[in-house]
Amino acid sequence: MIDFSGSKDAQGSSEKDKWIQKMIKSAKKHHKLCPYFDKKTQKCFIRLGKTCDRDGKFDMCPTFMEFLSSKYDEYVSKNKPLPVDFMDIVL
């Protein structure tokens, strides 16, 4: 007997990764620096005011990617449609 449960998780993970990359590309179109970065104080709003060590660059930022990952999980758990554009993500 073949167990497909493992492949479903792997496929779901890849869908999640694809969506995260799509949101990063979309965010790049709208923002030069991370939208959650305060230029004046050099702080990250996602990390609740801690200093950003990436100077607002969000391309491969683990904090930004973790935020998008949690948003993906939130939308999937509530059976809501996934946003197509970064600007459609509700905080």
N, C-alpha and C. Protein backbone atom coordinates (compact mmCIF):
# COMPACT_ATOMS: atom_id res chain seq x y z
N MET A 1 0.84 -1.18 0.00
CA MET A 1 0.00 0.00 0.00
C MET A 1 0.89 1.25 0.00
N ILE A 2 0.50 2.24 -0.78
CA ILE A 2 1.28 3.46 -0.91
C ILE A 2 0.66 4.54 -0.04
N ASP A 3 1.52 5.22 0.70
CA ASP A 3 1.06 6.31 1.56
C ASP A 3 1.35 7.64 0.88
N PHE A 4 0.29 8.38 0.56
CA PHE A 4 0.45 9.66 -0.13
C PHE A 4 0.46 10.84 0.83
N SER A 5 0.33 10.61 2.09
CA SER A 5 0.25 11.72 3.04
C SER A 5 1.53 12.55 3.05
N GLY A 6 2.69 11.91 2.90
CA GLY A 6 3.95 12.64 2.87
C GLY A 6 4.08 13.51 1.64
N SER A 7 3.60 13.01 0.50
CA SER A 7 3.72 13.80 -0.73
C SER A 7 2.78 15.01 -0.70
N LYS A 8 1.66 14.87 -0.03
CA LYS A 8 0.73 16.00 0.08
C LYS A 8 1.37 17.13 0.88
N ASP A 9 2.07 16.77 1.97
CA ASP A 9 2.75 17.79 2.77
C ASP A 9 3.85 18.47 1.96
N ALA A 10 4.58 17.67 1.18
CA ALA A 10 5.65 18.25 0.37
C ALA A 10 5.07 19.18 -0.69
N GLN A 11 3.94 18.77 -1.29
CA GLN A 11 3.31 19.61 -2.30
C GLN A 11 2.77 20.89 -1.66
N GLY A 12 2.16 20.78 -0.50
CA GLY A 12 1.65 21.95 0.20
C GLY A 12 2.76 22.91 0.56
N SER A 13 3.89 22.37 0.97
CA SER A 13 5.04 23.20 1.30
C SER A 13 5.55 23.95 0.07
N SER A 14 5.59 23.26 -1.07
CA SER A 14 6.08 23.92 -2.27
C SER A 14 5.09 24.99 -2.73
N GLU A 15 3.79 24.75 -2.56
CA GLU A 15 2.80 25.77 -2.89
C GLU A 15 2.98 26.99 -2.00
N LYS A 16 3.28 26.73 -0.74
CA LYS A 16 3.52 27.81 0.22
C LYS A 16 4.75 28.61 -0.20
N ASP A 17 5.83 27.92 -0.57
CA ASP A 17 7.05 28.59 -1.01
C ASP A 17 6.80 29.41 -2.27
N LYS A 18 6.03 28.87 -3.20
CA LYS A 18 5.71 29.60 -4.43
C LYS A 18 4.93 30.87 -4.10
N TRP A 19 3.97 30.76 -3.19
CA TRP A 19 3.16 31.92 -2.82
C TRP A 19 4.03 32.97 -2.13
N ILE A 20 4.92 32.55 -1.25
CA ILE A 20 5.80 33.48 -0.56
C ILE A 20 6.68 34.22 -1.57
N GLN A 21 7.26 33.50 -2.52
CA GLN A 21 8.09 34.14 -3.54
C GLN A 21 7.28 35.11 -4.40
N LYS A 22 6.04 34.74 -4.69
CA LYS A 22 5.16 35.62 -5.46
C LYS A 22 4.86 36.90 -4.69
N MET A 23 4.65 36.80 -3.38
CA MET A 23 4.38 37.98 -2.57
C MET A 23 5.62 38.86 -2.44
N ILE A 24 6.80 38.26 -2.39
CA ILE A 24 8.03 39.04 -2.32
C ILE A 24 8.22 39.82 -3.62
N LYS A 25 7.97 39.17 -4.76
CA LYS A 25 8.07 39.87 -6.05
C LYS A 25 7.06 41.01 -6.12
N SER A 26 5.86 40.75 -5.64
CA SER A 26 4.82 41.77 -5.66
C SER A 26 5.19 42.93 -4.74
N ALA A 27 5.75 42.63 -3.58
CA ALA A 27 6.17 43.68 -2.66
C ALA A 27 7.28 44.54 -3.26
N LYS A 28 8.17 43.91 -4.04
CA LYS A 28 9.25 44.64 -4.68
C LYS A 28 8.71 45.65 -5.69
N LYS A 29 7.59 45.31 -6.33
CA LYS A 29 6.99 46.24 -7.29
C LYS A 29 6.46 47.48 -6.59
N HIS A 30 5.98 47.34 -5.38
CA HIS A 30 5.34 48.44 -4.66
C HIS A 30 6.29 49.19 -3.72
N HIS A 31 7.34 48.53 -3.24
CA HIS A 31 8.21 49.12 -2.21
C HIS A 31 9.68 48.90 -2.55
N LYS A 32 10.50 49.93 -2.35
CA LYS A 32 11.95 49.77 -2.53
C LYS A 32 12.56 49.16 -1.28
N LEU A 33 12.07 49.58 -0.13
CA LEU A 33 12.50 49.01 1.15
C LEU A 33 11.33 48.26 1.76
N CYS A 34 11.62 47.48 2.76
CA CYS A 34 10.58 46.71 3.44
C CYS A 34 9.47 47.64 3.92
N PRO A 35 8.21 47.28 3.66
CA PRO A 35 7.11 48.14 4.10
C PRO A 35 6.97 48.19 5.62
N TYR A 36 7.63 47.30 6.33
CA TYR A 36 7.56 47.26 7.79
C TYR A 36 8.84 47.79 8.43
N PHE A 37 9.59 48.58 7.68
CA PHE A 37 10.85 49.16 8.14
C PHE A 37 10.68 50.66 8.31
N ASP A 38 11.07 51.16 9.46
CA ASP A 38 11.02 52.60 9.73
C ASP A 38 12.40 53.19 9.46
N LYS A 39 12.50 54.00 8.40
CA LYS A 39 13.80 54.57 8.02
C LYS A 39 14.39 55.46 9.10
N LYS A 40 13.53 56.22 9.74
CA LYS A 40 14.01 57.20 10.72
C LYS A 40 14.67 56.52 11.93
N THR A 41 14.03 55.50 12.46
CA THR A 41 14.56 54.85 13.67
C THR A 41 15.32 53.56 13.38
N GLN A 42 15.31 53.11 12.10
CA GLN A 42 15.98 51.86 11.70
C GLN A 42 15.38 50.64 12.41
N LYS A 43 14.08 50.68 12.70
CA LYS A 43 13.44 49.58 13.43
C LYS A 43 12.49 48.81 12.53
N CYS A 44 12.25 47.56 12.88
CA CYS A 44 11.36 46.65 12.16
C CYS A 44 10.04 46.54 12.91
N PHE A 45 8.94 46.82 12.22
CA PHE A 45 7.63 46.73 12.87
C PHE A 45 7.20 45.28 13.10
N ILE A 46 7.66 44.37 12.27
CA ILE A 46 7.31 42.96 12.44
C ILE A 46 7.94 42.41 13.71
N ARG A 47 9.17 42.83 13.98
CA ARG A 47 9.89 42.35 15.16
C ARG A 47 9.59 43.22 16.38
N LEU A 48 8.51 43.95 16.32
CA LEU A 48 8.03 44.78 17.44
C LEU A 48 9.06 45.79 17.90
N GLY A 49 9.60 46.54 16.94
CA GLY A 49 10.47 47.65 17.29
C GLY A 49 11.93 47.32 17.48
N LYS A 50 12.34 46.11 17.22
CA LYS A 50 13.77 45.79 17.31
C LYS A 50 14.48 46.34 16.09
N THR A 51 15.74 46.63 16.22
CA THR A 51 16.52 47.19 15.13
C THR A 51 16.63 46.21 13.97
N CYS A 52 16.44 46.74 12.76
CA CYS A 52 16.56 45.91 11.55
C CYS A 52 18.04 45.79 11.19
N ASP A 53 18.52 44.57 11.08
CA ASP A 53 19.93 44.36 10.75
C ASP A 53 20.17 44.26 9.24
N ARG A 54 19.10 44.43 8.45
CA ARG A 54 19.22 44.33 6.99
C ARG A 54 19.01 45.68 6.31
N ASP A 55 18.93 46.74 7.05
CA ASP A 55 18.75 48.10 6.51
C ASP A 55 17.54 48.22 5.60
N GLY A 56 16.48 47.48 5.91
CA GLY A 56 15.24 47.58 5.16
C GLY A 56 15.17 46.73 3.91
N LYS A 57 16.20 45.96 3.62
CA LYS A 57 16.19 45.08 2.45
C LYS A 57 15.42 43.82 2.82
N PHE A 58 14.35 43.54 2.09
CA PHE A 58 13.48 42.43 2.48
C PHE A 58 13.51 41.26 1.52
N ASP A 59 14.44 41.26 0.57
CA ASP A 59 14.48 40.21 -0.45
C ASP A 59 14.58 38.81 0.15
N MET A 60 15.55 38.55 0.97
CA MET A 60 15.71 37.24 1.61
C MET A 60 15.69 37.37 3.13
N CYS A 61 14.96 38.34 3.63
CA CYS A 61 14.88 38.59 5.07
C CYS A 61 14.10 37.46 5.75
N PRO A 62 14.70 36.77 6.70
CA PRO A 62 13.99 35.68 7.38
C PRO A 62 12.77 36.16 8.15
N THR A 63 12.81 37.36 8.69
CA THR A 63 11.67 37.89 9.44
C THR A 63 10.50 38.14 8.51
N PHE A 64 10.76 38.74 7.35
CA PHE A 64 9.71 39.02 6.37
C PHE A 64 9.13 37.72 5.81
N MET A 65 10.00 36.75 5.54
CA MET A 65 9.54 35.47 5.02
C MET A 65 8.72 34.71 6.06
N GLU A 66 9.11 34.80 7.31
CA GLU A 66 8.34 34.17 8.40
C GLU A 66 6.97 34.82 8.53
N PHE A 67 6.92 36.15 8.38
CA PHE A 67 5.65 36.87 8.42
C PHE A 67 4.74 36.38 7.30
N LEU A 68 5.28 36.27 6.08
CA LEU A 68 4.47 35.79 4.95
C LEU A 68 4.03 34.34 5.15
N SER A 69 4.91 33.54 5.73
CA SER A 69 4.57 32.15 6.01
C SER A 69 3.40 32.06 7.00
N SER A 70 3.42 32.89 8.02
CA SER A 70 2.33 32.87 9.00
C SER A 70 1.03 33.37 8.37
N LYS A 71 1.14 34.34 7.46
CA LYS A 71 -0.05 34.84 6.76
C LYS A 71 -0.64 33.75 5.86
N TYR A 72 0.23 32.99 5.19
CA TYR A 72 -0.23 31.87 4.36
C TYR A 72 -0.98 30.86 5.21
N ASP A 73 -0.39 30.48 6.33
CA ASP A 73 -1.03 29.52 7.22
C ASP A 73 -2.37 30.04 7.74
N GLU A 74 -2.43 31.33 8.03
CA GLU A 74 -3.67 31.94 8.52
C GLU A 74 -4.76 31.86 7.47
N TYR A 75 -4.45 32.22 6.23
CA TYR A 75 -5.44 32.19 5.15
C TYR A 75 -5.91 30.76 4.88
N VAL A 76 -4.98 29.81 4.86
CA VAL A 76 -5.32 28.42 4.57
C VAL A 76 -6.17 27.83 5.70
N SER A 77 -5.83 28.14 6.95
CA SER A 77 -6.58 27.58 8.08
C SER A 77 -8.01 28.11 8.14
N LYS A 78 -8.21 29.34 7.66
CA LYS A 78 -9.55 29.93 7.67
C LYS A 78 -10.29 29.71 6.36
N ASN A 79 -9.67 28.94 5.46
CA ASN A 79 -10.26 28.63 4.15
C ASN A 79 -10.60 29.89 3.36
N LYS A 80 -9.76 30.90 3.48
CA LYS A 80 -9.92 32.13 2.71
C LYS A 80 -9.06 32.04 1.46
N PRO A 81 -9.46 32.73 0.39
CA PRO A 81 -8.62 32.73 -0.81
C PRO A 81 -7.31 33.47 -0.56
N LEU A 82 -6.24 32.97 -1.13
CA LEU A 82 -4.93 33.60 -0.96
C LEU A 82 -4.87 34.90 -1.75
N PRO A 83 -4.30 35.94 -1.18
CA PRO A 83 -4.13 37.19 -1.92
C PRO A 83 -3.22 36.98 -3.14
N VAL A 84 -3.53 37.69 -4.20
CA VAL A 84 -2.75 37.60 -5.43
C VAL A 84 -1.65 38.66 -5.46
N ASP A 85 -1.87 39.75 -4.73
CA ASP A 85 -0.93 40.87 -4.70
C ASP A 85 -0.57 41.15 -3.24
N PHE A 86 0.65 41.63 -3.02
CA PHE A 86 1.10 41.93 -1.66
C PHE A 86 0.20 42.97 -0.99
N MET A 87 -0.30 43.92 -1.76
CA MET A 87 -1.14 44.99 -1.21
C MET A 87 -2.49 44.46 -0.70
N ASP A 88 -2.85 43.23 -1.07
CA ASP A 88 -4.11 42.65 -0.62
C ASP A 88 -4.00 41.93 0.71
N ILE A 89 -2.80 41.80 1.25
CA ILE A 89 -2.62 41.12 2.53
C ILE A 89 -3.15 42.01 3.66
N VAL A 90 -4.03 41.43 4.44
CA VAL A 90 -4.62 42.17 5.57
C VAL A 90 -3.83 41.85 6.81
N LEU A 91 -3.43 42.90 7.53
CA LEU A 91 -2.63 42.69 8.73
C LEU A 91 -3.44 42.18 9.85
